[in-house]
Amino acid sequence: MKGAAPLDITTSGSVFMQAGSRISARKISADDEADGGGGAIRLDANGDKVVLCGSAANVELDAACSTSASTGATITADKNGEGVGDAGAITIDVGSPQGSPPVGVLAMGAGSVVRANGRNAAGDIAISAGHSADIAGQVLSQVPSGATGVEAGREGASISIKTGCGLTIAPTGVVSSLGR
């Protein structure tokens, strides 16, 4: 069963994903019945921030965000279609909690998405920000309606968000692990 290959992105600086941009390790096939899963994604930013720009203007997020796209920035490790396969895991590490003060902010604008949805089993999502995380977008690990989850013995997967100083989930923010 072949699927998407893993992606490993490491930077010593910050990461800015503009609205409409995508990091993707999705299983897509001309044959939606094909087996295989999403690949794992690891984003390791040793700088002070990771910004996923949303689809709407957000002054608090960062002046560097463009609002010309109709969708927000997306990181996805999905398994699409009807065949057997799991979503890949997503790991996002920003900065370090060891400094004084701790360094590392994850900022997700409204309309941005981190998603590990699977037909069989969803993928685990682990987010670590040395200082804080502000989530106005969606963090999703879900199995769509009609999927069984029988092969993997589980459905919605774990979501872990760890910060050194604080977590804010805005009214537009969603953190959801959902099985069917």
Protein backbone atom coordinates (compact mmCIF):
# COMPACT_ATOMS: atom_id res chain seq x y z
CA MET A 1 0.00 0.00 0.00
CA LYS A 2 1.72 3.17 -1.20
CA GLY A 3 0.91 6.63 0.03
CA ALA A 4 2.43 10.07 0.26
CA ALA A 5 6.08 10.34 1.35
CA PRO A 6 6.98 12.15 4.59
CA LEU A 7 7.98 15.82 4.60
CA ASP A 8 10.61 17.12 7.03
CA ILE A 9 11.08 20.91 7.08
CA THR A 10 13.63 22.50 9.43
CA THR A 11 14.60 26.17 9.59
CA SER A 12 16.72 28.23 11.94
CA GLY A 13 14.36 31.17 11.35
CA SER A 14 10.64 31.88 11.39
CA VAL A 15 8.04 30.48 8.97
CA PHE A 16 5.38 32.64 7.30
CA MET A 17 2.71 30.84 5.25
CA GLN A 18 0.64 33.29 3.22
CA ALA A 19 -3.11 32.81 2.72
CA GLY A 20 -3.63 30.18 0.01
CA SER A 21 -0.25 28.49 0.60
CA ARG A 22 -0.05 24.76 1.36
CA ILE A 23 2.29 22.18 2.86
CA SER A 24 0.80 18.85 1.85
CA ALA A 25 1.57 15.13 2.15
CA ARG A 26 -1.81 13.91 0.90
CA LYS A 27 -2.63 10.61 -0.80
CA ILE A 28 -4.30 11.54 -4.08
CA SER A 29 -4.88 9.10 -6.89
CA ALA A 30 -6.72 9.03 -10.21
CA ASP A 31 -8.41 5.99 -8.66
CA ASP A 32 -10.16 7.23 -5.49
CA GLU A 33 -10.48 3.57 -4.43
CA ALA A 34 -6.68 3.17 -4.31
CA ASP A 35 -5.12 2.15 -1.00
CA GLY A 36 -2.40 4.19 0.70
CA GLY A 37 -2.21 6.95 3.25
CA GLY A 38 -1.08 10.49 3.87
CA GLY A 39 2.56 11.10 4.68
CA ALA A 40 3.90 12.44 7.96
CA ILE A 41 4.79 16.15 8.16
CA ARG A 42 7.37 17.61 10.56
CA LEU A 43 7.85 21.39 10.68
CA ASP A 44 10.66 22.45 13.01
CA ALA A 45 11.09 26.24 13.23
CA ASN A 46 13.89 27.28 15.55
CA GLY A 47 13.01 30.95 15.05
CA ASP A 48 10.57 33.00 17.06
CA LYS A 49 7.34 32.29 15.15
CA VAL A 50 5.29 30.21 12.75
CA VAL A 51 2.46 32.19 11.14
CA LEU A 52 -0.35 30.54 9.16
CA CYS A 53 -2.14 33.47 7.57
CA GLY A 54 -5.91 33.29 7.41
CA SER A 55 -8.30 34.15 4.61
CA ALA A 56 -9.37 37.39 6.32
CA ALA A 57 -7.43 40.40 7.56
CA ASN A 58 -6.20 40.06 11.14
CA VAL A 59 -4.16 42.99 12.43
CA GLU A 60 -3.17 41.10 15.58
CA LEU A 61 -1.67 38.23 13.56
CA ASP A 62 1.02 39.97 11.55
CA ALA A 63 1.29 42.80 9.05
CA ALA A 64 3.16 40.40 6.72
CA CYS A 65 -0.04 38.46 5.89
CA SER A 66 -1.62 39.04 2.48
CA THR A 67 -5.41 38.72 2.34
CA SER A 68 -5.76 38.24 -1.42
CA ALA A 69 -6.47 34.46 -1.27
CA SER A 70 -9.91 32.98 -0.57
CA THR A 71 -8.46 30.24 1.68
CA GLY A 72 -6.06 30.41 4.58
CA ALA A 73 -2.68 28.70 4.80
CA THR A 74 -3.01 24.90 5.04
CA ILE A 75 -0.87 22.06 6.40
CA THR A 76 -2.46 18.71 5.52
CA ALA A 77 -1.54 14.99 5.74
CA ASP A 78 -4.89 13.59 4.59
CA LYS A 79 -5.92 10.30 3.02
CA ASN A 80 -8.56 11.12 0.38
CA GLY A 81 -10.90 8.84 -1.53
CA GLU A 82 -12.50 5.54 -0.58
CA GLY A 83 -9.52 3.14 -0.38
CA VAL A 84 -7.87 1.84 2.79
CA GLY A 85 -5.35 4.20 4.37
CA ASP A 86 -4.58 6.36 7.35
CA ALA A 87 -3.72 10.03 7.53
CA GLY A 88 -0.14 10.94 8.33
CA ALA A 89 0.93 12.55 11.61
CA ILE A 90 1.69 16.28 11.80
CA THR A 91 4.30 17.71 14.18
CA ILE A 92 4.92 21.46 14.50
CA ASP A 93 7.68 22.70 16.84
CA VAL A 94 8.29 26.44 17.28
CA GLY A 95 11.15 27.90 19.32
CA SER A 96 12.03 26.63 22.79
CA PRO A 97 10.53 26.94 26.28
CA GLN A 98 14.06 26.81 27.78
CA GLY A 99 14.96 30.50 27.32
CA SER A 100 14.17 33.35 29.65
CA PRO A 101 11.73 34.46 28.40
CA PRO A 102 10.68 31.41 26.35
CA VAL A 103 10.79 31.88 22.55
CA GLY A 104 8.35 30.60 19.95
CA VAL A 105 4.84 31.66 18.91
CA LEU A 106 2.39 29.78 16.69
CA ALA A 107 -0.20 32.12 15.17
CA MET A 108 -3.08 30.71 13.08
CA GLY A 109 -5.39 33.20 11.38
CA ALA A 110 -9.11 32.58 10.79
CA GLY A 111 -9.44 30.30 7.77
CA SER A 112 -6.05 28.59 8.24
CA VAL A 113 -6.02 24.80 8.72
CA VAL A 114 -3.80 22.07 10.19
CA ARG A 115 -5.51 18.79 9.19
CA ALA A 116 -4.75 15.05 9.41
CA ASN A 117 -8.06 13.49 8.31
CA GLY A 118 -8.15 9.84 7.20
CA ARG A 119 -10.58 7.32 5.73
CA ASN A 120 -9.40 4.59 8.09
CA ALA A 121 -7.80 6.48 10.94
CA ALA A 122 -6.97 10.13 11.41
CA GLY A 123 -3.38 11.20 12.09
CA ASP A 124 -1.94 12.45 15.36
CA ILE A 125 -1.21 16.19 15.60
CA ALA A 126 1.44 17.52 18.02
CA ILE A 127 2.04 21.27 18.33
CA SER A 128 4.71 22.70 20.62
CA ALA A 129 5.36 26.45 20.96
CA GLY A 130 8.03 27.65 23.37
CA HIS A 131 6.08 30.77 24.33
CA SER A 132 2.44 30.69 23.17
CA ALA A 133 -0.12 29.63 20.57
CA ASP A 134 -2.97 31.74 19.20
CA ILE A 135 -5.46 29.62 17.24
CA ALA A 136 -8.15 31.36 15.18
CA GLY A 137 -8.08 28.63 12.50
CA GLN A 138 -8.80 24.88 12.61
CA VAL A 139 -6.73 21.99 14.00
CA LEU A 140 -8.51 18.80 12.83
CA SER A 141 -7.89 15.06 13.21
CA GLN A 142 -11.08 13.48 11.92
CA VAL A 143 -12.61 10.51 10.12
CA PRO A 144 -15.35 11.52 7.66
CA SER A 145 -18.89 10.20 7.82
CA GLY A 146 -19.12 6.69 6.31
CA ALA A 147 -15.53 5.71 7.14
CA THR A 148 -15.11 2.70 9.40
CA GLY A 149 -11.82 3.01 11.24
CA VAL A 150 -11.83 -0.79 11.57
CA GLU A 151 -8.38 -1.43 10.05
CA ALA A 152 -6.48 0.76 12.51
CA GLY A 153 -8.59 0.08 15.59
CA ARG A 154 -9.12 3.79 16.19
CA GLU A 155 -10.70 6.71 14.47
CA GLY A 156 -10.11 10.32 15.48
CA ALA A 157 -6.49 10.65 16.64
CA SER A 158 -4.77 12.57 19.42
CA ILE A 159 -4.14 16.30 19.32
CA SER A 160 -1.50 17.70 21.66
CA ILE A 161 -0.84 21.44 22.06
CA LYS A 162 1.96 22.42 24.47
CA THR A 163 3.09 25.98 25.19
CA GLY A 164 5.47 27.58 27.66
CA CYS A 165 3.28 30.57 28.56
CA GLY A 166 -0.21 30.50 27.09
CA LEU A 167 -2.81 29.19 24.66
CA THR A 168 -5.60 31.29 23.14
CA ILE A 169 -8.35 29.75 21.03
CA ALA A 170 -10.36 32.50 19.33
CA PRO A 171 -14.13 32.28 18.67
CA THR A 172 -13.30 31.21 15.08
CA GLY A 173 -10.79 28.59 16.32
CA VAL A 174 -11.57 24.87 16.34
CA VAL A 175 -9.48 22.02 17.82
CA SER A 176 -11.26 18.72 17.05
CA SER A 177 -10.58 14.99 17.07
CA LEU A 178 -13.66 13.26 15.68
CA GLY A 179 -14.40 9.60 14.97
CA ARG A 180 -17.45 8.13 13.22
